[in-house]
Amino acid sequence: MNWLTDMDWGWWPVVFLRPPKDRDIDNVVLLKMTAWFGTIIAVITLLIDFRRTHTLTAMDNAGRVLFCWFAFFLLYKFTFAIFWNRRVKRSSEYDRRA
């Protein structure tokens, strides 16, 4: 997983949000990422749904965006962020021993 998070293309277009490899991915960084990527995922799923049903309501849009934000945040928090933060912890422990 860290191999993926170290690649610039995985962070595009928000490469500036990627913390240095010695800093945790905290909730502030994750919320900024969620605003971007969660919205993109919501728009894609709304377009797919619109193509199928030809109707969208404001409640559909708001609900989908909120759901995608929540899902992205939790999914990233409990996958990539855990591995990133574990690596930070290991490297800081290594630095203290050296």
C-alpha atoms as a PDB file:
ATOM      1  CA  MET A   1       0.000   0.000   0.000  1.00  0.00           C
ATOM      2  CA  ASN A   2       2.837   2.417   0.721  1.00  0.00           C
ATOM      3  CA  TRP A   3       4.219   1.716  -2.724  1.00  0.00           C
ATOM      4  CA  LEU A   4       0.934   3.081  -4.132  1.00  0.00           C
ATOM      5  CA  THR A   5       0.793   6.104  -1.840  1.00  0.00           C
ATOM      6  CA  ASP A   6       4.372   7.043  -2.737  1.00  0.00           C
ATOM      7  CA  MET A   7       3.482   7.484  -6.426  1.00  0.00           C
ATOM      8  CA  ASP A   8       2.658  11.007  -7.586  1.00  0.00           C
ATOM      9  CA  TRP A   9      -0.067   9.873  -9.996  1.00  0.00           C
ATOM     10  CA  GLY A  10      -2.059   8.471  -7.060  1.00  0.00           C
ATOM     11  CA  TRP A  11      -2.161  11.923  -5.514  1.00  0.00           C
ATOM     12  CA  TRP A  12      -2.843  13.848  -8.697  1.00  0.00           C
ATOM     13  CA  PRO A  13      -4.168  16.570  -8.730  1.00  0.00           C
ATOM     14  CA  VAL A  14      -3.627  17.102  -4.991  1.00  0.00           C
ATOM     15  CA  VAL A  15       0.050  16.149  -4.716  1.00  0.00           C
ATOM     16  CA  PHE A  16       0.501  19.204  -2.503  1.00  0.00           C
ATOM     17  CA  LEU A  17      -1.629  17.467   0.166  1.00  0.00           C
ATOM     18  CA  ARG A  18       0.716  14.504   0.486  1.00  0.00           C
ATOM     19  CA  PRO A  19       2.600  14.833   3.762  1.00  0.00           C
ATOM     20  CA  PRO A  20       6.329  14.135   3.941  1.00  0.00           C
ATOM     21  CA  LYS A  21       7.108  10.470   4.534  1.00  0.00           C
ATOM     22  CA  ASP A  22       7.973  11.231   8.152  1.00  0.00           C
ATOM     23  CA  ARG A  23       4.559  12.823   8.949  1.00  0.00           C
ATOM     24  CA  ASP A  24       1.262  11.078   9.627  1.00  0.00           C
ATOM     25  CA  ILE A  25      -1.776  11.357   7.411  1.00  0.00           C
ATOM     26  CA  ASP A  26      -4.006  12.988  10.004  1.00  0.00           C
ATOM     27  CA  ASN A  27      -7.712  13.766   9.803  1.00  0.00           C
ATOM     28  CA  VAL A  28      -7.103  17.297   8.484  1.00  0.00           C
ATOM     29  CA  VAL A  29      -5.192  15.988   5.470  1.00  0.00           C
ATOM     30  CA  LEU A  30      -7.741  13.226   5.042  1.00  0.00           C
ATOM     31  CA  LEU A  31     -10.662  15.679   5.096  1.00  0.00           C
ATOM     32  CA  LYS A  32      -9.007  17.761   2.374  1.00  0.00           C
ATOM     33  CA  MET A  33      -8.479  14.641   0.285  1.00  0.00           C
ATOM     34  CA  THR A  34     -12.063  13.578   0.934  1.00  0.00           C
ATOM     35  CA  ALA A  35     -13.440  16.892  -0.311  1.00  0.00           C
ATOM     36  CA  TRP A  36     -11.659  16.360  -3.599  1.00  0.00           C
ATOM     37  CA  PHE A  37     -11.791  12.617  -4.255  1.00  0.00           C
ATOM     38  CA  GLY A  38     -15.147  11.980  -2.547  1.00  0.00           C
ATOM     39  CA  THR A  39     -16.730  14.635  -4.743  1.00  0.00           C
ATOM     40  CA  ILE A  40     -15.226  13.157  -7.902  1.00  0.00           C
ATOM     41  CA  ILE A  41     -16.525   9.702  -6.978  1.00  0.00           C
ATOM     42  CA  ALA A  42     -19.969  11.175  -6.234  1.00  0.00           C
ATOM     43  CA  VAL A  43     -20.114  12.967  -9.589  1.00  0.00           C
ATOM     44  CA  ILE A  44     -19.133   9.809 -11.451  1.00  0.00           C
ATOM     45  CA  THR A  45     -21.756   7.721  -9.657  1.00  0.00           C
ATOM     46  CA  LEU A  46     -24.381  10.440 -10.223  1.00  0.00           C
ATOM     47  CA  LEU A  47     -23.599  10.480 -13.944  1.00  0.00           C
ATOM     48  CA  ILE A  48     -23.905   6.706 -14.100  1.00  0.00           C
ATOM     49  CA  ASP A  49     -27.198   6.864 -12.209  1.00  0.00           C
ATOM     50  CA  PHE A  50     -28.492   9.699 -14.406  1.00  0.00           C
ATOM     51  CA  ARG A  51     -27.648   7.725 -17.518  1.00  0.00           C
ATOM     52  CA  ARG A  52     -29.773   4.887 -16.195  1.00  0.00           C
ATOM     53  CA  THR A  53     -32.746   6.807 -14.736  1.00  0.00           C
ATOM     54  CA  HIS A  54     -32.633  10.202 -16.544  1.00  0.00           C
ATOM     55  CA  THR A  55     -33.647  11.926 -13.312  1.00  0.00           C
ATOM     56  CA  LEU A  56     -31.722  13.494 -10.477  1.00  0.00           C
ATOM     57  CA  THR A  57     -33.055  15.468  -7.538  1.00  0.00           C
ATOM     58  CA  ALA A  58     -31.274  17.806  -5.166  1.00  0.00           C
ATOM     59  CA  MET A  59     -31.710  15.219  -2.407  1.00  0.00           C
ATOM     60  CA  ASP A  60     -30.141  12.538  -4.625  1.00  0.00           C
ATOM     61  CA  ASN A  61     -27.175  14.799  -5.295  1.00  0.00           C
ATOM     62  CA  ALA A  62     -26.650  15.869  -1.682  1.00  0.00           C
ATOM     63  CA  GLY A  63     -27.144  12.366  -0.351  1.00  0.00           C
ATOM     64  CA  ARG A  64     -24.739  10.868  -2.859  1.00  0.00           C
ATOM     65  CA  VAL A  65     -22.053  13.460  -2.155  1.00  0.00           C
ATOM     66  CA  LEU A  66     -22.346  12.987   1.611  1.00  0.00           C
ATOM     67  CA  PHE A  67     -22.293   9.214   1.260  1.00  0.00           C
ATOM     68  CA  CYS A  68     -19.235   9.288  -1.016  1.00  0.00           C
ATOM     69  CA  TRP A  69     -17.413  11.669   1.324  1.00  0.00           C
ATOM     70  CA  PHE A  70     -18.161   9.450   4.308  1.00  0.00           C
ATOM     71  CA  ALA A  71     -17.250   6.254   2.437  1.00  0.00           C
ATOM     72  CA  PHE A  72     -14.004   7.686   1.043  1.00  0.00           C
ATOM     73  CA  PHE A  73     -12.941   9.032   4.429  1.00  0.00           C
ATOM     74  CA  LEU A  74     -13.542   5.738   6.219  1.00  0.00           C
ATOM     75  CA  LEU A  75     -12.097   3.565   3.465  1.00  0.00           C
ATOM     76  CA  TYR A  76      -8.909   5.629   3.208  1.00  0.00           C
ATOM     77  CA  LYS A  77      -8.604   6.059   6.983  1.00  0.00           C
ATOM     78  CA  PHE A  78      -8.693   2.314   7.590  1.00  0.00           C
ATOM     79  CA  THR A  79      -6.501   1.270   4.663  1.00  0.00           C
ATOM     80  CA  PHE A  80      -3.881   3.571   3.178  1.00  0.00           C
ATOM     81  CA  ALA A  81      -3.624   5.948   6.154  1.00  0.00           C
ATOM     82  CA  ILE A  82      -2.999   3.067   8.568  1.00  0.00           C
ATOM     83  CA  PHE A  83      -0.121   1.739   6.492  1.00  0.00           C
ATOM     84  CA  TRP A  84       1.326   5.218   5.890  1.00  0.00           C
ATOM     85  CA  ASN A  85       1.170   6.079   9.585  1.00  0.00           C
ATOM     86  CA  ARG A  86       2.622   2.706  10.565  1.00  0.00           C
ATOM     87  CA  ARG A  87       5.607   3.380   8.307  1.00  0.00           C
ATOM     88  CA  VAL A  88       6.062   6.820   9.905  1.00  0.00           C
ATOM     89  CA  LYS A  89       6.044   5.247  13.337  1.00  0.00           C
ATOM     90  CA  ARG A  90       8.568   2.574  12.310  1.00  0.00           C
ATOM     91  CA  SER A  91      10.922   5.105  10.733  1.00  0.00           C
ATOM     92  CA  SER A  92      10.789   7.398  13.761  1.00  0.00           C
ATOM     93  CA  GLU A  93      11.548   4.457  16.049  1.00  0.00           C
ATOM     94  CA  TYR A  94      14.448   3.537  13.798  1.00  0.00           C
ATOM     95  CA  ASP A  95      15.758   7.112  13.903  1.00  0.00           C
ATOM     96  CA  ARG A  96      15.657   7.141  17.694  1.00  0.00           C
ATOM     97  CA  ARG A  97      17.682   3.931  17.901  1.00  0.00           C
ATOM     98  CA  ALA A  98      20.312   5.150  15.436  1.00  0.00           C
END
